[in-house]
Structures are given as C-alpha cells and as structure tokens.
Protein backbone atom coordinates (compact mmCIF):
# COMPACT_ATOMS: atom_id res chain seq x y z
CA MET A 1 -13.23 -8.12 -29.64
CA SER A 2 -11.23 -7.59 -32.94
CA ARG A 3 -8.61 -10.03 -33.92
CA LYS A 4 -5.84 -7.39 -33.64
CA ARG A 5 -6.81 -6.49 -30.04
CA LEU A 6 -7.24 -10.27 -29.13
CA THR A 7 -3.74 -10.97 -30.59
CA ALA A 8 -2.24 -8.14 -28.72
CA ARG A 9 -3.85 -9.25 -25.43
CA ILE A 10 -2.66 -12.80 -25.78
CA GLY A 11 0.87 -11.59 -26.46
CA ALA A 12 0.71 -9.38 -23.43
CA LEU A 13 -0.54 -12.24 -21.30
CA ILE A 14 2.25 -14.59 -22.49
CA ALA A 15 4.88 -11.86 -21.73
CA LEU A 16 3.45 -11.32 -18.19
CA ALA A 17 3.27 -15.00 -17.38
CA ALA A 18 6.88 -15.43 -18.59
CA GLY A 19 8.14 -12.66 -16.36
CA THR A 20 6.15 -13.23 -13.12
CA VAL A 21 5.14 -16.84 -12.71
CA GLY A 22 6.18 -18.01 -9.21
CA ALA A 23 7.86 -14.70 -8.27
CA PHE A 24 7.07 -11.18 -7.56
CA ALA A 25 9.66 -9.35 -9.69
CA PRO A 26 10.15 -5.54 -9.57
CA SER A 27 7.90 -3.67 -12.01
CA SER A 28 9.16 -1.30 -14.68
CA PRO A 29 9.02 2.43 -13.83
CA ALA A 30 5.92 4.23 -15.24
CA GLN A 31 6.21 6.51 -18.27
CA SER A 32 4.18 9.74 -18.29
CA SER A 33 3.50 12.54 -20.54
CA ALA A 34 1.67 14.43 -17.62
CA HIS A 35 3.56 17.17 -15.82
CA PHE A 36 1.84 18.01 -12.55
CA LYS A 37 3.47 20.39 -10.33
CA PRO A 38 4.49 18.48 -7.23
CA GLY A 39 2.83 19.62 -4.05
CA VAL A 40 -0.49 19.67 -2.00
CA SER A 41 -3.41 21.90 -2.75
CA LYS A 42 -6.61 22.31 -0.79
CA GLU A 43 -10.17 23.25 -1.91
CA LEU A 44 -13.72 23.21 -0.39
CA PHE A 45 -15.50 19.97 -1.54
CA GLY A 46 -18.88 20.54 0.18
CA THR A 47 -20.75 21.12 3.45
CA LEU A 48 -22.57 18.59 5.58
CA SER A 49 -26.06 19.21 6.87
CA ASP A 50 -24.71 20.26 10.28
CA GLY A 51 -22.59 22.81 8.67
CA THR A 52 -19.28 20.86 8.90
CA LYS A 53 -17.06 21.75 5.90
CA VAL A 54 -15.36 19.00 3.93
CA TYR A 55 -12.23 19.80 2.04
CA ARG A 56 -10.53 18.00 -0.89
CA TYR A 57 -6.71 17.82 -0.97
CA THR A 58 -4.82 17.08 -4.17
CA LEU A 59 -1.46 15.48 -3.95
CA THR A 60 0.83 15.55 -7.01
CA ASN A 61 4.41 14.09 -7.58
CA GLY A 62 4.95 15.43 -11.15
CA HIS A 63 3.68 12.25 -12.83
CA MET A 64 0.58 11.21 -10.78
CA ARG A 65 -2.21 13.03 -9.02
CA ILE A 66 -4.42 11.81 -6.22
CA LYS A 67 -7.46 13.44 -4.54
CA ILE A 68 -8.48 12.96 -0.90
CA ILE A 69 -11.49 14.27 0.84
CA THR A 70 -11.63 14.72 4.56
CA TYR A 71 -15.01 12.99 4.88
CA GLY A 72 -14.04 9.32 5.43
CA GLY A 73 -10.45 10.03 4.51
CA ILE A 74 -11.63 8.96 1.09
CA ILE A 75 -9.43 8.57 -2.03
CA GLN A 76 -11.66 10.14 -4.60
CA SER A 77 -9.41 9.69 -7.62
CA VAL A 78 -6.14 8.37 -8.62
CA GLU A 79 -4.66 9.65 -12.00
CA ALA A 80 -1.92 7.49 -13.32
CA PRO A 81 -0.24 7.01 -16.85
CA ASP A 82 -0.66 4.03 -19.07
CA ARG A 83 2.14 2.56 -21.27
CA HIS A 84 1.83 5.46 -23.62
CA GLY A 85 1.82 8.12 -20.96
CA ARG A 86 -1.99 8.75 -21.23
CA MET A 87 -3.53 9.49 -17.87
CA ALA A 88 -6.76 7.95 -16.55
CA ASP A 89 -8.47 7.94 -13.24
CA ILE A 90 -8.08 4.23 -12.09
CA THR A 91 -10.11 4.30 -8.83
CA LEU A 92 -13.87 4.23 -8.52
CA GLY A 93 -15.50 7.11 -6.78
CA PHE A 94 -18.36 9.69 -6.68
CA PRO A 95 -18.33 13.34 -8.03
CA THR A 96 -20.17 14.95 -5.08
CA LEU A 97 -20.01 14.96 -1.25
CA ASN A 98 -23.85 14.09 -1.29
CA ASP A 99 -23.04 10.96 -3.15
CA TYR A 100 -20.52 9.87 -0.54
CA VAL A 101 -22.87 10.72 2.27
CA THR A 102 -26.05 9.01 0.78
CA LYS A 103 -24.78 6.31 -1.44
CA ASN A 104 -21.37 5.04 -0.29
CA SER A 105 -22.56 1.61 1.17
CA THR A 106 -19.74 0.38 -1.17
CA TYR A 107 -17.08 2.24 0.93
CA PHE A 108 -15.42 3.67 -2.27
CA GLY A 109 -11.93 4.87 -1.36
CA ALA A 110 -12.60 5.13 2.31
CA LEU A 111 -10.53 4.68 5.55
CA ILE A 112 -11.96 1.73 7.33
CA GLY A 113 -12.10 1.37 11.15
CA ARG A 114 -12.22 0.51 14.01
CA TYR A 115 -12.42 -2.97 12.55
CA GLY A 116 -12.18 -3.70 8.83
CA ASN A 117 -14.16 -6.65 7.46
CA ARG A 118 -16.69 -8.66 9.50
CA ILE A 119 -17.25 -9.51 13.27
CA ALA A 120 -19.90 -12.35 13.72
CA LYS A 121 -23.07 -11.12 15.30
CA GLY A 122 -21.18 -7.88 16.30
CA GLN A 123 -19.93 -9.67 19.42
CA PHE A 124 -16.58 -10.57 20.93
CA THR A 125 -15.22 -11.24 24.43
CA LEU A 126 -12.12 -9.43 25.62
CA ASP A 127 -10.54 -9.91 29.14
CA GLY A 128 -13.68 -11.68 30.23
CA VAL A 129 -16.00 -8.83 29.08
CA LYS A 130 -18.52 -9.39 26.31
CA TYR A 131 -19.01 -6.53 23.93
CA GLN A 132 -21.98 -5.86 21.65
CA LEU A 133 -21.29 -3.79 18.59
CA THR A 134 -23.74 -2.03 16.23
CA THR A 135 -24.61 -4.38 13.49
CA ASN A 136 -24.99 -3.36 9.83
CA ASN A 137 -24.52 -6.47 7.65
CA ASN A 138 -27.00 -9.21 8.11
CA GLY A 139 -26.81 -9.05 11.82
CA ASN A 140 -22.99 -8.84 11.80
CA THR A 141 -20.64 -5.84 12.08
CA LEU A 142 -18.94 -4.67 8.85
CA HIS A 143 -16.12 -2.19 8.57
CA GLY A 144 -16.67 -0.80 12.08
CA GLY A 145 -20.43 -0.76 12.39
CA THR A 146 -23.27 1.72 11.52
CA VAL A 147 -21.15 4.75 11.78
CA GLY A 148 -17.65 3.57 11.03
CA PHE A 149 -14.45 5.73 10.39
CA ASP A 150 -15.63 6.11 6.73
CA LYS A 151 -18.68 8.28 7.99
CA HIS A 152 -16.62 10.88 9.93
CA VAL A 153 -14.78 14.06 8.94
CA TRP A 154 -11.05 13.68 9.63
CA ASN A 155 -8.69 16.47 10.62
CA ALA A 156 -6.06 16.98 7.83
CA THR A 157 -2.50 18.28 7.86
CA PRO A 158 -0.61 18.65 4.67
CA ILE A 159 3.07 17.58 4.70
CA THR A 160 5.51 18.94 2.21
CA GLY A 161 9.27 19.41 2.06
CA GLY A 162 12.17 16.95 1.92
CA GLY A 163 10.73 15.31 -1.09
CA ARG A 164 7.59 14.37 0.69
CA THR A 165 3.98 15.02 -0.66
CA ALA A 166 1.52 13.77 2.02
CA LEU A 167 -1.59 14.29 4.00
CA LYS A 168 -1.93 13.32 7.66
CA LEU A 169 -5.50 12.47 8.65
CA SER A 170 -6.49 12.23 12.35
CA PHE A 171 -9.62 11.10 14.14
CA THR A 172 -10.49 10.22 17.66
CA SER A 173 -13.11 7.54 18.39
CA PRO A 174 -14.57 7.90 21.91
CA ASN A 175 -14.95 4.99 24.30
CA GLY A 176 -18.01 2.99 23.42
CA ASP A 177 -18.18 4.36 19.85
CA GLN A 178 -20.28 1.61 18.00
CA GLY A 179 -19.85 -0.56 21.12
CA PHE A 180 -16.00 -0.71 20.98
CA PRO A 181 -14.12 -0.19 24.27
CA GLY A 182 -11.51 2.42 24.76
CA THR A 183 -10.83 5.89 23.38
CA LEU A 184 -8.99 5.25 20.04
CA LYS A 185 -6.64 8.00 18.68
CA THR A 186 -5.91 7.29 15.03
CA ASP A 187 -3.59 8.95 12.48
CA VAL A 188 -3.21 7.89 8.89
CA THR A 189 -0.57 9.49 6.70
CA ILE A 190 -1.19 9.05 2.95
CA SER A 191 1.93 9.89 0.89
CA LEU A 192 2.46 10.16 -2.80
CA THR A 193 6.10 9.25 -3.44
CA ALA A 194 8.36 10.36 -6.29
CA HIS A 195 8.41 6.72 -7.29
CA ASN A 196 4.61 6.55 -8.05
CA GLN A 197 3.70 4.91 -4.86
CA ILE A 198 0.71 5.64 -2.58
CA ARG A 199 1.87 4.93 0.96
CA PHE A 200 -0.55 4.38 3.90
CA ASP A 201 1.00 4.65 7.47
CA TYR A 202 -1.51 3.80 10.17
CA HIS A 203 -0.93 4.66 13.86
CA ALA A 204 -3.39 4.15 16.60
CA THR A 205 -3.33 4.32 20.51
CA THR A 206 -6.00 3.43 23.10
CA ASP A 207 -6.64 4.07 26.91
CA LYS A 208 -8.51 0.60 27.31
CA ALA A 209 -7.93 -2.77 25.76
CA THR A 210 -9.66 -2.88 22.39
CA VAL A 211 -9.49 -4.43 18.98
CA VAL A 212 -8.27 -2.67 15.93
CA ASN A 213 -7.96 -3.46 12.25
CA LEU A 214 -7.54 -0.47 9.86
CA THR A 215 -7.40 -0.52 6.15
CA ASN A 216 -8.27 1.38 3.04
CA HIS A 217 -11.11 0.41 0.74
CA SER A 218 -10.24 1.74 -2.73
CA TYR A 219 -11.62 -0.04 -5.77
CA TRP A 220 -9.34 -0.28 -8.71
CA ASN A 221 -9.84 -0.52 -12.49
CA LEU A 222 -6.45 -0.23 -14.36
CA SER A 223 -8.06 0.69 -17.53
CA GLY A 224 -9.81 3.60 -16.03
CA GLU A 225 -12.87 3.93 -13.93
CA GLY A 226 -16.10 3.51 -15.89
CA THR A 227 -14.44 1.62 -18.66
CA GLY A 228 -15.97 -1.68 -18.14
CA THR A 229 -15.23 -4.84 -16.08
CA ILE A 230 -11.93 -5.74 -14.54
CA TYR A 231 -12.21 -9.46 -15.50
CA ASN A 232 -9.32 -9.36 -17.91
CA GLU A 233 -6.83 -7.88 -15.47
CA GLN A 234 -4.19 -10.50 -14.39
CA LEU A 235 -4.10 -10.99 -10.50
CA GLN A 236 -1.48 -12.64 -8.62
CA ILE A 237 -1.72 -13.09 -4.77
CA ASN A 238 1.22 -14.00 -2.55
CA GLY A 239 -0.97 -16.38 -0.54
CA ASP A 240 -1.25 -20.21 -0.59
CA HIS A 241 -4.24 -20.26 1.92
CA THR A 242 -7.52 -18.50 2.58
CA THR A 243 -9.85 -18.29 5.58
CA PRO A 244 -12.92 -20.11 4.08
CA VAL A 245 -16.47 -18.80 5.02
CA ALA A 246 -19.34 -20.95 6.20
CA ASP A 247 -22.12 -19.44 4.14
CA SER A 248 -23.34 -16.25 2.47
CA GLN A 249 -22.86 -14.31 5.76
CA LEU A 250 -19.05 -14.46 4.72
CA ILE A 251 -17.90 -15.25 8.25
CA PRO A 252 -14.88 -17.37 8.52
CA THR A 253 -15.14 -20.84 9.78
CA GLY A 254 -11.82 -20.59 11.58
CA ALA A 255 -10.09 -23.03 9.30
CA ILE A 256 -7.05 -22.20 7.23
CA ALA A 257 -7.45 -23.78 3.75
CA SER A 258 -5.14 -24.35 0.77
CA VAL A 259 -6.10 -22.71 -2.43
CA ARG A 260 -4.48 -25.32 -4.51
CA GLY A 261 -6.83 -26.79 -7.10
CA THR A 262 -9.52 -24.29 -6.48
CA PRO A 263 -10.67 -21.02 -8.24
CA LEU A 264 -9.21 -19.19 -5.31
CA ASP A 265 -5.61 -20.05 -6.52
CA PHE A 266 -3.88 -16.91 -7.76
CA THR A 267 -0.40 -17.94 -6.90
CA ARG A 268 0.23 -17.61 -10.62
CA PRO A 269 -1.08 -14.53 -12.66
CA THR A 270 -4.67 -15.32 -13.58
CA ALA A 271 -7.40 -13.29 -15.19
CA ILE A 272 -9.86 -12.30 -12.60
CA GLY A 273 -12.77 -13.40 -14.60
CA ALA A 274 -11.20 -16.82 -15.80
CA ARG A 275 -12.95 -18.83 -12.99
CA ILE A 276 -15.40 -16.44 -11.38
CA ARG A 277 -18.41 -18.36 -12.70
CA THR A 278 -17.09 -21.78 -11.61
CA ASN A 279 -19.58 -23.83 -9.54
CA TYR A 280 -17.70 -23.61 -6.18
CA ASP A 281 -19.20 -23.17 -2.79
CA GLN A 282 -17.02 -20.10 -1.84
CA LEU A 283 -17.85 -18.31 -5.07
CA LEU A 284 -21.53 -18.98 -4.64
CA TYR A 285 -21.43 -17.73 -1.08
CA GLY A 286 -19.62 -14.45 -2.13
CA GLN A 287 -21.33 -14.06 -5.56
CA GLY A 288 -17.71 -13.78 -6.80
CA TYR A 289 -14.61 -13.18 -4.86
CA ASP A 290 -14.91 -11.72 -1.49
CA PHE A 291 -12.38 -13.52 0.76
CA ASN A 292 -9.39 -13.16 2.94
CA TRP A 293 -6.11 -14.59 1.79
CA VAL A 294 -3.47 -15.67 4.25
CA LEU A 295 -0.26 -13.92 3.03
CA ASN A 296 2.97 -16.03 2.78
CA GLY A 297 5.76 -14.95 5.08
CA THR A 298 5.91 -12.49 8.02
CA GLY A 299 6.90 -8.95 8.17
CA TRP A 300 7.26 -6.70 5.09
CA LYS A 301 6.19 -8.69 1.86
CA THR A 302 4.54 -8.31 -1.49
CA ALA A 303 0.89 -9.06 -1.03
CA ALA A 304 -0.31 -8.94 -4.66
CA ARG A 305 0.28 -7.62 -8.23
CA VAL A 306 -2.28 -6.89 -10.82
CA TYR A 307 -1.49 -6.24 -14.54
CA ASP A 308 -3.87 -4.79 -17.15
CA PRO A 309 -2.98 -5.91 -20.67
CA ASP A 310 -5.04 -3.17 -22.21
CA SER A 311 -3.30 -0.18 -20.65
CA GLY A 312 -0.15 -1.73 -19.61
CA ARG A 313 -0.59 -0.49 -15.95
CA THR A 314 0.64 -2.69 -13.09
CA LEU A 315 -0.35 -2.32 -9.42
CA THR A 316 1.93 -3.98 -6.79
CA ILE A 317 0.86 -4.00 -3.18
CA SER A 318 3.30 -4.47 -0.36
CA THR A 319 2.37 -4.61 3.43
CA ASP A 320 3.25 -5.76 6.91
CA GLN A 321 -0.26 -7.10 7.46
CA PRO A 322 -0.99 -10.90 7.52
CA GLY A 323 -4.03 -10.81 5.25
CA LEU A 324 -5.51 -9.49 2.18
CA GLN A 325 -9.09 -9.27 1.35
CA PHE A 326 -9.78 -9.54 -2.47
CA TYR A 327 -13.27 -8.39 -3.49
CA SER A 328 -14.33 -8.34 -7.11
CA GLY A 329 -17.09 -5.74 -6.92
CA ASN A 330 -19.91 -8.38 -6.85
CA PHE A 331 -22.41 -6.07 -5.41
CA LEU A 332 -22.08 -3.07 -7.84
CA ASP A 333 -25.53 -3.23 -9.37
CA GLY A 334 -25.84 -0.65 -11.89
CA THR A 335 -27.47 2.00 -9.64
CA LEU A 336 -24.35 4.17 -8.94
CA VAL A 337 -22.87 6.77 -11.25
CA GLY A 338 -19.21 7.27 -10.92
CA THR A 339 -16.85 10.36 -11.18
CA GLY A 340 -16.65 9.95 -15.00
CA ASN A 341 -20.48 9.86 -15.36
CA HIS A 342 -20.58 6.30 -16.08
CA ILE A 343 -22.80 3.69 -14.46
CA TYR A 344 -20.96 1.09 -12.25
CA ARG A 345 -21.99 -2.44 -12.69
CA GLN A 346 -20.93 -5.85 -11.29
CA GLY A 347 -17.21 -6.31 -11.68
CA ASP A 348 -16.43 -2.82 -12.77
CA GLY A 349 -13.71 -2.50 -9.92
CA TYR A 350 -12.05 -4.53 -7.28
CA ALA A 351 -10.68 -3.90 -3.75
CA LEU A 352 -7.46 -5.44 -2.39
CA GLU A 353 -7.57 -4.63 1.42
CA THR A 354 -4.48 -5.32 3.46
CA GLN A 355 -5.69 -6.32 6.88
CA HIS A 356 -5.82 -8.73 9.87
CA PHE A 357 -8.25 -11.65 9.28
CA PRO A 358 -12.10 -11.16 9.53
CA ASP A 359 -13.68 -12.01 12.81
CA SER A 360 -10.23 -12.40 14.48
CA PRO A 361 -11.62 -11.52 17.88
CA ASN A 362 -13.58 -14.75 17.82
CA HIS A 363 -10.84 -17.08 16.59
CA SER A 364 -7.87 -17.75 18.81
CA ASN A 365 -5.85 -19.22 16.07
CA PHE A 366 -5.99 -16.03 13.94
CA PRO A 367 -3.38 -13.39 14.55
CA SER A 368 -4.46 -11.19 17.35
CA THR A 369 -6.01 -7.68 16.85
CA VAL A 370 -6.05 -6.67 20.46
CA LEU A 371 -4.44 -3.35 21.25
CA ARG A 372 -3.74 -2.36 24.91
CA PRO A 373 -2.91 0.85 26.65
CA GLY A 374 0.81 1.75 26.22
CA GLN A 375 0.94 -0.20 22.94
CA THR A 376 0.96 1.40 19.51
CA TYR A 377 -0.91 0.03 16.50
CA GLN A 378 1.42 0.62 13.52
CA SER A 379 1.05 -0.64 10.01
CA THR A 380 2.07 0.30 6.44
CA THR A 381 0.87 -0.49 3.19
CA VAL A 382 2.30 0.54 -0.20
CA TYR A 383 0.53 0.71 -3.62
CA GLN A 384 3.12 0.87 -6.32
CA PHE A 385 1.98 1.90 -9.85
CA SER A 386 3.89 1.38 -13.14
CA ALA A 387 3.29 0.82 -16.83
CA HIS A 388 4.99 -1.16 -19.60
C-alpha cells in the first residue's frame, strides 16, 4: 500500500471512530452522478432444464439500481455510488442462471427459508411430534434443507406508483416440504426507496404449526465485488452477546455469552480483518466469523453498520429481528467466478443476515420461531446505503 493511500485510510478511520463510537448515528446521504430512470423493468434471464422460465427484474430509483432474479428470489447485483458518485456493483453474484443452479452452495443473494441457518441433526419436536428434516450440512439442516427456498422459482409482481419501486415475490411450500410441517405461503416484497434503501418485508402464514426463520443471504463488498478482501471495512454490531457454538458444526450450545474482551466484540467500529486470525476457539470453529449476535433491545433497531474507507460507502442495517448472523466469506475458495469475471477467494465478501437464532426449535431459552394457524409471520429489514 502506498504511503498516500495508507495516510488517507488512517485519516478516514479516525474520522469514522470519532463519529460513531458507542452510537449508531445517522449516515450522510449518498452522492451520485448516475441517473437511472426510476421504475421496474423485466427481461428473460434463462430457462431451467424443465422448461421453467426465469426472469430478471431491474429496480431503479434514479441513483441506485438492483437486479433480482425469480430463481431463489436472488439479488444478483446492487449498483451504488461511492463518495465521488462513481458506481460499482457491491454484492457478490454470478453472471448466468446455470451458475446459480449448479454452483450456488454459497447462497449468493438468495431468499432463505423455511429456516435460515442451522437446525441440529435436522430434528426438532413441536407439540409432542418429532420432525426429521432433510440434512445438507454435516448431518444438520442448513438454510431450509436440500431444496430450500433458494432453489425454487418465485412468482413476481412489480409494484410502482406512489413513489414505490418494488417487487413482490411469492412462493408456497407444501406440507412436508423438506420435512417441515404445514403448507407455508410466503410473500417477500423487496423495495428500492428514494432514500437509497433496500427494504425486505417478509410475510408468511401456515395451516399447521411449524417453524419459520426467513432472511436474505446477500454478500457485500462495499469497494465493489471482485475488488479483493473486505478485511479493511469497519464493522460495528449493535450486540453485546453471541450464541457460542460447540464445535466446527457451528450449532449453538444454548448459552448467551458476552463478547467483551473477545475477537467477537464489534461494539465499536473495528476492521473485519483486525482480529480474524486470533487464536480463539470460535474463530477456529468457523474458520473466521460465522456466528449469531444477540442484538441489543427489542422491536425496531439498528443491527449493524459497515464503513469502507476506500470508497466512502456505508451500509446500515435496521431490523425487527432479534439476531444477526455475521459471516466473513470463509469458505470462498477460489473456484467461483463472479459477475465481474473475477475469481472470489476467502474474505472477498461478507453476509449480514437478520434472523432468529440458529437451532432455536431446540433451545427453549431462545426466542420462539413457532408459527401457528391464524398467526402471521411478519418481519422487516432495511439496508441503507450512503457515501461520504
């Protein structure tokens, strides 16, 4: 790194720390030289082997542009301005449908269900009945099982007018799908607001008691996908505790542990890579960060903020969910080529998934994920983008 770049980065970090330590202050609005015509457009993205057509929808608000495909409800790209108004795609993804079908074990950009994160041994008991799910992660169930929501084609309905630019995605999972009880009807509305926010509104109902934990699995690199690691980005998480895991299976023990004095303490803005190589049992189990933070407070709250000193971009995440999974891209292994025709390697992107806690159905002290007939699962998460 040149002395000029190093000096600029240190100055940016000092400015960031001075403005955000111990608080989640509002971010400055983004500046942009891009002029996208606001609206929603549609194009054919590809066709599955069974003949099902997959479409790509592009949402624009005049300053940002996001692309969503109906396969998996996947966010393929997010174009946002840096501090100079220069645009870049800041989320990891693939260029073709075949890539998503055959290579997306990373869950790039996907809607996740019925249950985000892990369920130990793919088993849980509800109302005295033991359920066995499909297992797809070392004998456990990860992100809904072998054929989760990320591997289905969703019905899409564009929403415009009244200042809205949005896409409503709908999918019905039948009773017994992946072993889960109940027919689950799910709608996810993804909106791109005039204030450079991507808003996820989740809605689900069931005809039989079941468990539900929906989220989105986008990977972020605020310098731009394919530009290198995210280790210099400054992360702050509004959580004083995590749900520690027992071993490399990454299943929570059921404990709630303080982050104070550990490499998991992001209560102050900290470079993602600053402590990622520390000899600490949790980091050894996850080969980096791949853990659930217990967010402070109840109801609507700021979950996390990330600042990139190089581009000036800031991502602020707000949610009504109790947890946040921070995953530092540990298993990107140099075998995947992204949308910008660059190879993705370890640490080239991170996921920040708002959620209920992993394995909640097997831990009575965790917030419940049970949904019953007559109830409605509703959740909202907002990703706010700015630059300064």
